[in-house]
Every structure is written in C-alpha cells, then in structure tokens.
Protein backbone atom coordinates (compact mmCIF):
# COMPACT_ATOMS: atom_id res chain seq x y z
CA MET A 1 98.51 105.84 98.58
CA ASN A 2 102.09 106.42 99.69
CA ALA A 3 102.41 107.86 103.17
CA THR A 4 105.30 110.05 104.21
CA GLY A 5 107.98 108.75 106.55
CA ASP A 6 108.26 110.01 110.12
CA ASP A 7 111.00 112.48 109.15
CA ASP A 8 108.80 113.93 106.42
CA ARG A 9 105.60 114.17 108.44
CA LEU A 10 104.35 117.72 108.96
CA ARG A 11 102.28 118.91 111.89
CA ILE A 12 99.81 121.37 110.35
CA LEU A 13 97.51 123.67 112.32
CA ARG A 14 94.83 124.91 109.89
CA VAL A 15 92.66 127.86 110.91
CA SER A 16 89.49 128.63 108.97
CA SER A 17 86.11 130.16 109.72
CA ASP A 18 84.52 127.64 107.33
CA THR A 19 84.91 123.94 106.70
CA TYR A 20 82.81 121.35 104.88
CA PRO A 21 80.28 119.84 105.50
CA GLU A 22 79.06 122.52 107.93
CA VAL A 23 79.70 125.11 105.17
CA THR A 24 79.38 123.92 101.59
CA GLY A 25 80.97 126.93 99.88
CA GLY A 26 84.27 126.82 98.02
CA LEU A 27 86.46 127.85 100.96
CA GLY A 28 84.92 125.24 103.26
CA VAL A 29 85.35 122.48 100.67
CA HIS A 30 88.93 123.59 99.99
CA VAL A 31 89.83 123.43 103.69
CA HIS A 32 88.23 120.01 104.13
CA LEU A 33 89.78 118.39 101.05
CA MET A 34 93.21 119.87 101.71
CA SER A 35 93.13 118.60 105.30
CA GLU A 36 91.77 115.18 104.32
CA GLN A 37 94.36 114.59 101.62
CA GLN A 38 97.34 115.91 103.56
CA ALA A 39 96.29 113.64 106.42
CA ALA A 40 96.02 110.72 103.98
CA SER A 41 99.65 111.39 103.05
CA GLY A 42 100.75 110.91 106.64
CA HIS A 43 100.69 114.48 107.93
CA ASP A 44 99.19 115.43 111.29
CA VAL A 45 96.42 117.97 110.58
CA THR A 46 94.23 119.87 113.03
CA VAL A 47 91.54 122.32 111.86
CA VAL A 48 90.51 125.10 114.23
CA THR A 49 87.18 126.54 113.13
CA SER A 50 83.82 128.03 114.12
CA ASP A 51 80.69 126.20 115.23
CA HIS A 52 78.60 128.71 113.22
CA GLY A 53 76.17 128.92 116.11
CA GLU A 54 75.32 125.21 115.87
CA HIS A 55 75.97 124.31 119.49
CA GLU A 56 75.02 120.65 119.08
CA LEU A 57 78.22 120.10 117.08
CA PRO A 58 81.00 118.45 119.11
CA ARG A 59 83.73 120.79 120.28
CA ARG A 60 86.37 118.25 119.31
CA GLU A 61 86.23 115.32 116.93
CA ARG A 62 88.34 113.37 114.51
CA ARG A 63 86.96 112.74 111.02
CA ASP A 64 88.35 111.94 107.59
CA GLY A 65 91.81 111.52 109.08
CA TYR A 66 92.17 114.95 110.70
CA ALA A 67 91.18 116.59 113.99
CA VAL A 68 88.56 119.35 114.23
CA HIS A 69 88.45 121.84 117.12
CA ARG A 70 85.38 124.11 117.05
CA HIS A 71 84.84 127.37 118.89
CA LYS A 72 81.65 129.18 119.76
CA ALA A 73 80.63 131.91 117.31
CA PHE A 74 79.31 134.89 119.31
CA LEU A 75 78.46 137.05 116.30
CA LYS A 76 78.29 136.56 112.51
CA PRO A 77 78.39 140.01 110.86
CA SER A 78 78.33 139.71 107.05
CA GLY A 79 78.83 135.95 107.38
CA ASN A 80 82.03 136.40 109.42
CA SER A 81 82.08 134.24 112.55
CA ILE A 82 83.55 136.05 115.57
CA CYS A 83 85.18 133.36 117.75
CA PRO A 84 87.50 134.78 120.43
CA GLY A 85 88.28 131.24 121.64
CA ILE A 86 90.36 130.65 118.52
CA ALA A 87 92.99 133.04 119.88
CA ALA A 88 93.36 131.06 123.10
CA THR A 89 93.70 127.77 121.23
CA VAL A 90 96.30 129.06 118.76
CA LEU A 91 98.33 130.60 121.59
CA ASP A 92 98.12 127.38 123.57
CA VAL A 93 99.08 124.86 120.89
CA SER A 94 100.96 126.70 118.12
CA ASP A 95 104.37 125.56 119.36
CA GLN A 96 103.25 121.94 118.83
CA TYR A 97 102.96 122.44 115.07
CA ASP A 98 105.40 123.01 112.21
CA ILE A 99 103.10 125.25 110.18
CA ILE A 100 100.03 127.40 110.79
CA HIS A 101 97.90 127.64 107.67
CA ALA A 102 95.09 130.23 107.80
CA HIS A 103 92.46 130.85 105.14
CA SER A 104 91.29 134.22 103.79
CA HIS A 105 92.25 137.64 105.14
CA LEU A 106 88.53 138.48 105.14
CA PHE A 107 87.81 136.43 108.27
CA PHE A 108 88.24 137.31 111.94
CA SER A 109 89.93 133.96 112.59
CA THR A 110 92.76 134.82 110.19
CA ASN A 111 93.06 138.36 111.56
CA ILE A 112 93.55 136.86 115.02
CA VAL A 113 96.21 134.40 113.82
CA ALA A 114 98.06 137.20 112.04
CA ALA A 115 98.18 139.31 115.21
CA LEU A 116 99.36 136.34 117.27
CA SER A 117 102.10 135.52 114.76
CA TYR A 118 104.18 138.35 116.20
CA LEU A 119 104.27 136.40 119.49
CA ASP A 120 105.17 133.05 117.97
CA ASP A 121 107.91 131.65 115.73
CA THR A 122 105.77 129.04 113.95
CA PRO A 123 105.69 129.92 110.22
CA LEU A 124 102.36 131.34 109.05
CA VAL A 125 100.90 130.69 105.60
CA ILE A 126 97.74 132.48 104.48
CA THR A 127 95.74 131.39 101.45
CA ASN A 128 93.96 134.25 99.74
CA HIS A 129 90.58 133.03 98.44
CA GLY A 130 89.66 136.34 96.81
CA ILE A 131 90.50 139.98 97.50
CA ARG A 132 87.04 141.34 98.26
CA SER A 133 84.11 140.06 100.29
CA GLN A 134 80.86 139.18 98.53
CA GLU A 135 78.81 140.10 101.60
CA ALA A 136 80.37 143.12 103.35
CA PRO A 137 79.22 146.58 102.20
CA ASP A 138 81.51 148.46 99.84
CA TRP A 139 82.19 151.33 102.25
CA LEU A 140 83.44 148.90 104.88
CA GLN A 141 85.75 147.15 102.41
CA ARG A 142 87.26 150.48 101.36
CA LEU A 143 88.24 150.97 105.00
CA TYR A 144 89.18 147.37 105.75
CA LEU A 145 91.33 146.31 102.79
CA PRO A 146 94.16 148.89 103.05
CA THR A 147 94.31 148.55 106.86
CA VAL A 148 93.33 145.31 108.61
CA ALA A 149 93.56 143.15 105.48
CA ARG A 150 96.99 144.49 104.53
CA PHE A 151 98.25 144.01 108.10
CA THR A 152 96.92 140.45 108.14
CA LEU A 153 98.52 139.43 104.86
CA ASN A 154 101.85 141.11 105.65
CA ALA A 155 102.04 139.11 108.88
CA ALA A 156 102.34 135.91 106.83
CA ASP A 157 105.64 134.24 106.05
CA ARG A 158 104.03 133.32 102.74
CA VAL A 159 100.78 134.18 101.00
CA LEU A 160 99.24 131.72 98.53
CA CYS A 161 96.87 132.90 95.81
CA TYR A 162 95.22 131.28 92.80
CA THR A 163 96.25 133.50 89.90
CA GLY A 164 98.86 135.98 88.71
CA THR A 165 96.06 138.54 88.56
CA ASP A 166 95.42 138.14 92.28
CA ARG A 167 99.14 138.41 93.04
CA ARG A 168 99.23 141.73 91.16
CA ARG A 169 96.15 142.94 93.04
CA LEU A 170 97.75 141.98 96.37
CA ARG A 171 100.83 144.02 95.49
CA GLU A 172 98.59 146.98 94.57
CA LEU A 173 96.99 146.61 98.00
CA GLY A 174 100.41 147.04 99.60
CA VAL A 175 101.11 143.41 100.47
CA SER A 176 104.88 142.97 100.69
CA ALA A 177 104.95 139.40 102.05
CA PRO A 178 106.22 136.68 99.66
CA VAL A 179 103.39 135.55 97.38
CA SER A 180 103.22 132.20 95.56
CA VAL A 181 100.65 131.36 92.88
CA ILE A 182 99.06 127.92 93.17
CA ASN A 183 96.09 127.21 90.93
CA ASN A 184 92.89 126.09 92.56
CA GLY A 185 92.07 122.57 91.47
CA VAL A 186 89.33 120.00 91.01
CA ASP A 187 89.22 116.23 91.42
CA CYS A 188 88.81 115.23 87.78
CA SER A 189 88.20 111.59 88.70
CA ARG A 190 85.07 112.59 90.64
CA PHE A 191 83.96 115.49 88.46
CA ARG A 192 83.92 113.99 84.97
CA PRO A 193 81.64 113.62 81.97
CA MET A 194 79.10 110.84 82.44
CA SER A 195 76.20 109.33 80.55
CA VAL A 196 72.98 110.89 81.79
CA ASP A 197 69.53 111.68 80.45
CA GLU A 198 70.50 115.17 79.39
CA ASN A 199 68.12 118.08 79.62
CA SER A 200 69.67 120.13 76.84
CA SER A 201 68.14 123.39 78.01
CA GLN A 202 68.80 123.21 81.76
CA ILE A 203 70.85 126.04 83.29
CA LEU A 204 72.67 125.43 86.58
CA TYR A 205 73.89 127.71 89.36
CA VAL A 206 75.83 126.36 92.36
CA GLY A 207 76.85 128.60 95.26
CA ARG A 208 75.71 130.63 98.23
CA LEU A 209 72.42 132.49 97.96
CA ILE A 210 73.71 136.01 98.50
CA GLU A 211 73.37 139.19 96.46
CA GLY A 212 77.07 139.29 95.58
CA LYS A 213 76.70 136.10 93.51
CA GLY A 214 74.44 137.90 91.05
CA ILE A 215 71.48 135.55 91.45
CA GLY A 216 69.02 138.41 90.95
CA VAL A 217 70.73 139.18 87.64
CA LEU A 218 70.51 135.50 86.69
CA LEU A 219 66.76 135.41 87.43
CA ARG A 220 66.15 138.49 85.27
CA ALA A 221 68.24 136.99 82.47
CA PHE A 222 66.36 133.71 82.77
CA ALA A 223 63.02 135.51 82.47
CA GLU A 224 64.22 136.92 79.13
CA LEU A 225 65.41 133.49 77.98
CA VAL A 226 62.08 131.78 78.65
CA SER A 227 60.38 133.67 75.82
CA ALA A 228 63.04 132.49 73.34
CA VAL A 229 63.55 128.97 74.76
CA PRO A 230 60.22 127.96 76.34
CA ASP A 231 61.45 124.55 77.51
CA THR A 232 64.45 125.94 79.39
CA SER A 233 64.75 125.49 83.16
CA LEU A 234 66.98 126.84 85.92
CA VAL A 235 68.32 124.85 88.86
CA ILE A 236 69.74 126.88 91.77
CA VAL A 237 71.85 124.81 94.18
CA GLY A 238 72.82 126.28 97.54
CA ASP A 239 71.34 128.01 100.53
CA GLY A 240 71.54 131.23 102.47
CA MET A 241 69.57 133.90 104.27
CA LYS A 242 68.37 135.37 100.95
CA ARG A 243 66.75 132.19 99.67
CA GLU A 244 63.16 133.26 100.32
CA TRP A 245 63.86 136.64 98.75
CA PHE A 246 65.21 135.00 95.58
CA GLU A 247 62.24 132.62 95.47
CA SER A 248 59.94 135.65 95.62
CA HIS A 249 62.04 137.33 92.93
CA ALA A 250 61.51 134.32 90.64
CA ALA A 251 57.76 134.62 91.24
CA ARG A 252 57.81 138.36 90.44
CA GLU A 253 59.63 137.60 87.19
CA GLY A 254 56.91 135.07 86.34
CA VAL A 255 59.31 132.10 86.15
CA ALA A 256 58.81 130.39 89.53
CA SER A 257 57.46 127.23 87.89
CA LYS A 258 60.64 126.87 85.85
CA VAL A 259 63.12 127.54 88.67
CA THR A 260 64.08 124.84 91.18
CA PHE A 261 65.77 125.83 94.45
CA THR A 262 67.35 122.61 95.71
CA GLY A 263 68.98 123.90 98.88
CA THR A 264 72.32 122.45 99.86
CA VAL A 265 73.41 119.40 97.86
CA PRO A 266 76.20 117.05 99.03
CA ASN A 267 79.37 117.17 96.93
CA ASP A 268 78.95 113.62 95.68
CA ARG A 269 75.66 114.58 93.97
CA LEU A 270 77.06 117.60 92.15
CA PRO A 271 78.76 115.80 89.22
CA ARG A 272 75.43 114.45 87.97
CA LEU A 273 73.82 117.89 88.22
CA TYR A 274 76.62 119.44 86.15
CA ASN A 275 76.27 116.68 83.56
CA GLU A 276 72.51 117.08 83.34
CA SER A 277 72.89 120.80 82.60
CA ALA A 278 73.60 122.47 79.27
CA VAL A 279 75.19 125.58 80.79
CA PHE A 280 76.66 126.54 84.16
CA ALA A 281 76.12 130.23 85.03
CA LEU A 282 77.97 132.25 87.67
CA PRO A 283 77.23 136.00 87.32
CA SER A 284 79.03 137.12 90.52
CA PHE A 285 79.93 140.75 91.09
CA ASN A 286 83.32 139.64 92.46
CA GLU A 287 85.02 136.31 93.02
CA GLY A 288 88.28 134.66 93.99
CA PHE A 289 88.80 131.58 91.86
CA PRO A 290 85.50 129.70 92.15
CA ARG A 291 85.74 125.95 92.50
CA THR A 292 82.32 125.59 90.90
CA VAL A 293 83.64 126.84 87.55
CA LEU A 294 86.34 124.16 87.64
CA GLU A 295 83.81 121.49 88.61
CA ALA A 296 81.61 122.41 85.65
CA MET A 297 84.61 122.40 83.31
CA ALA A 298 85.77 118.98 84.57
CA CYS A 299 82.29 117.63 83.80
CA GLY A 300 82.44 119.07 80.28
CA THR A 301 79.75 121.68 80.92
CA PRO A 302 80.25 125.09 79.22
CA VAL A 303 80.31 128.05 81.60
CA VAL A 304 79.10 131.64 81.50
CA THR A 305 80.68 133.91 84.10
CA THR A 306 81.16 137.57 84.84
CA ASN A 307 84.07 139.15 82.99
CA LEU A 308 86.37 139.24 86.03
CA PRO A 309 90.12 139.57 85.32
CA GLN A 310 91.06 136.32 87.09
CA LEU A 311 88.45 134.34 85.13
CA ARG A 312 89.06 135.54 81.58
CA SER A 313 91.93 133.20 80.78
CA VAL A 314 90.20 130.30 82.55
CA VAL A 315 86.92 130.66 80.69
CA ALA A 316 88.43 131.58 77.31
CA ASP A 317 87.51 128.89 74.74
CA VAL A 318 85.36 126.94 77.23
CA GLY A 319 82.46 129.36 77.64
CA ARG A 320 81.56 133.03 77.69
CA THR A 321 82.16 136.01 79.97
CA VAL A 322 79.80 138.98 80.30
CA PRO A 323 79.83 142.33 82.13
CA ALA A 324 78.59 142.29 85.71
CA ASN A 325 74.99 143.24 86.47
CA GLU A 326 73.82 143.13 82.84
CA PRO A 327 70.99 140.59 82.55
CA GLU A 328 70.53 141.13 78.80
CA ALA A 329 74.18 140.29 78.10
CA LEU A 330 73.93 137.25 80.35
CA ALA A 331 70.76 136.07 78.61
CA ASP A 332 72.38 136.54 75.17
CA ALA A 333 75.46 134.51 76.15
CA ILE A 334 73.41 131.64 77.57
CA TYR A 335 71.10 131.67 74.55
CA GLU A 336 74.07 131.40 72.19
CA LEU A 337 75.12 128.17 73.91
CA LEU A 338 71.62 126.74 74.22
CA ALA A 339 70.95 127.35 70.51
CA ASP A 340 74.07 125.60 69.19
CA ASP A 341 74.55 121.95 70.19
CA THR A 342 77.81 121.66 68.23
CA LEU A 343 79.36 124.73 69.84
CA ARG A 344 78.27 123.56 73.29
CA ARG A 345 79.83 120.13 72.74
CA GLN A 346 83.11 121.62 71.48
CA LEU A 347 83.35 124.02 74.41
CA GLY A 348 82.60 121.19 76.84
CA GLU A 349 85.34 118.98 75.42
CA THR A 350 87.86 121.83 75.63
CA ALA A 351 86.74 122.58 79.19
CA ARG A 352 87.34 119.00 80.27
CA ARG A 353 90.84 118.94 78.77
CA ARG A 354 91.74 122.26 80.40
CA ALA A 355 90.52 121.15 83.81
CA SER A 356 92.46 117.87 83.55
CA ASN A 357 95.69 119.41 82.25
CA ARG A 358 95.86 122.67 84.19
CA TYR A 359 93.66 122.48 87.29
CA SER A 360 94.33 119.14 88.97
CA TRP A 361 93.48 119.06 92.69
CA LYS A 362 96.33 116.61 93.24
CA THR A 363 98.74 119.28 91.99
CA THR A 364 97.13 121.93 94.20
CA VAL A 365 97.67 119.80 97.31
CA GLU A 366 101.23 118.83 96.39
CA GLU A 367 102.30 122.40 95.60
CA THR A 368 100.75 123.70 98.83
CA THR A 369 102.57 121.04 100.84
CA ALA A 370 105.80 121.87 99.00
CA GLU A 371 105.45 125.49 100.15
CA PHE A 372 105.33 124.24 103.74
CA TYR A 373 108.52 122.23 103.29
CA SER A 374 110.19 125.22 101.67
CA LEU A 375 109.37 127.52 104.59
CA LEU A 376 110.80 124.97 107.00
CA ASP A 377 113.90 124.61 104.80
CA ARG A 378 113.18 120.91 104.47
CA ASP A 379 113.24 118.82 101.31
CA ARG A 380 110.06 117.26 100.05
CA PRO A 381 109.86 113.46 100.15
CA LYS A 382 111.44 111.96 97.04
CA THR A 383 108.32 109.83 96.55
CA GLN A 384 105.35 112.12 96.09
CA PRO A 385 102.08 111.05 97.75
CA ILE A 386 99.36 109.68 95.51
CA TYR A 387 95.91 110.98 96.41
CA GLU A 388 92.91 108.79 95.78
C-alpha cells in the first residue's frame, strides 16, 4: 500500500445513516469500505452516523483506520433514522475538514447536511444510491422527491451516481448540481470463483427482508419451480422486520422445508454462498445499483433481476431480467438457467470478466477520491494508492 504524502492527505467528514457492520445493506457496506480504504491511503476519515437505537454502541470509536461518531436515533420511520445530534456535530466540526461526503438524499442525515451547507464553505459531495426508497410509501415519495430530495441534491457541490441512467433521472427530477458517474464496484480478489461442493439447483437471495425487494414474488416463483425441479432449494440471506412474515409466506406456499432463512451473514462468508449457488435472484421493485449483483457476477454466478433501466446493460449476457412483480416470468427465467449447465457456465464466465474489467472497487474508490481533489482544485498524487 502506498500512502499519500502530507500535502495530499484529505480530511474527509462522511455522513451516513448506515454503516457496516451495524447495517449490512449495500449503502452501509459502501460507506465502510470507502472509509476504510481511503484511510488506508493516508486520508483522515470520520464517519458521522446513527446508533440505530442500539444504545450500547460506543458514541465514539476508531476502527479499521477511521473514526466513527454515533448519534442517538429518536425515530426510524420507514427505516430512516432521525438523529438531530448530527446537525450539531456537522456545524461544530465541518471547518476542520476539506470535504463533507454525505450518502443518499433519502436519509434525514443527508437532508440536514444539505441545509447546513448554506452556512458553511466546506465542499459537499452527495452520493446517490438510488432515486427512490424501497420502504417509503409511494404517495410520500411523490411529495418528497420533487421537493426535499431535489433541494438536498441541489445543495451539493457535486453529486455522484452509479449509472448514466441515474444521471438522466436526476436531471428529470430537476437536479441542476454537477453530476459525475462513478460505477459501483466489487472487490474481485475477495469475491471470486472458488472450488466448492456445488449444489447445482440452489437459488440465492442476499439483501434486506422488506417488501420492496420482491421477496414475496421470489417465494411464489420458487413454489412454481419446485414442481419442475424437485431438488431445488432457496437460501435467503439478510434480516429485517418482515422476516417472520416471509417465513410464514414460505409455509403458505408449501415450500418452507426447502427455504433457508440465514439471517445476517458477515461479508467474508458471502463469497462461498455465491459460489455454492446456481443462480442469484434479485426481483426488487426498484433499486439503485445493487452491490449484491456485482458480488454474484464476480463469483461467476448468473443473475436474474428485475428489468430496471440501470440494470439492463449490467445483466445483459450474464443473466436474465424479468418484469417486476411477475412470479411466473421470474420462475421461467430461473428454470432456464437451472436446466442448462452449459448456458449457466458460459454466463458465469462472462459475469466474472465483466465484474473484473468494468466494476473494480479499487477504481470506484480512486475515482471518488479524484472528485474530492477536483473540487478542491488540487492535483491527485502522481502515485495512485494501491488498495489491498
């Protein structure tokens, strides 16, 4: 690893409702890995976040090379932690940092930072992790997106998003702030094909257990698949308030004995699960740019996702896309892959190459850091950091 020199070192204040390992979803993992690897390159990183109601967590600690400052969550409507203390911290310390980097316009913490940016000269960068919430009701989003969300994003000196599709959608929303596209990435040295005792008919889902992820659709599709592929199984990785409801749903569909709910699984155990599975399924009703799809691809596991605009080009030639909320179409797509070992192997090999060539996490971190230097009108170090 090459660390930056003192003149190149950035002081980064990162604000996020979620961070791993307290929250294992894609945003939380993104925030943790970005902070860890920027810190490993010599930058000074502090993450201001929520305690998610877990009051036994320390208010301040240093881990994995960066500082964490937690604030009490008073409410959590639709999974959104309301932490007024974040405002006081950002106001108090923002002038000690070169950059404020907030995550997702859908969270109260980012809304607060956006409002405070009008009182402070520190450049603000906001990463968009998806336009719409998977938990908030549709009527609320119709009110929120063209008002609070647009205000929040327009307060940024720069908005980062994962795809050209999302940039277009931000412009349609009325976002006039500068927008840069930086692909989400995956650590292809950790998520890689490996020799395992393969269960050729195992289907895998990884993510939060909420309705917006389409888990109910997946369970109905799986019930149809069982009659055609009796030895198939479904592993559902993740947790959430709806877990018991989905477990009951599996029982109502008559497939409870073939569905395993693992709960939360540490990141270092996920590569083996992807490798043990024949197909990764993610039938979400809406998404940003899900890290789980990239993890599956890096492991050489074909994917079946909803036919969302930002996923079509990613999944093309490495899996299948289907319309949202159509269990029959989902079952047909999974069956096609389960029934053809040669096709599944070819798609998996293509997926691995695409993940390695186009979606490197190292590139994601370097391009994000380069945006910080650009805003500060400072040149990047001539020797790029090497992340390990």
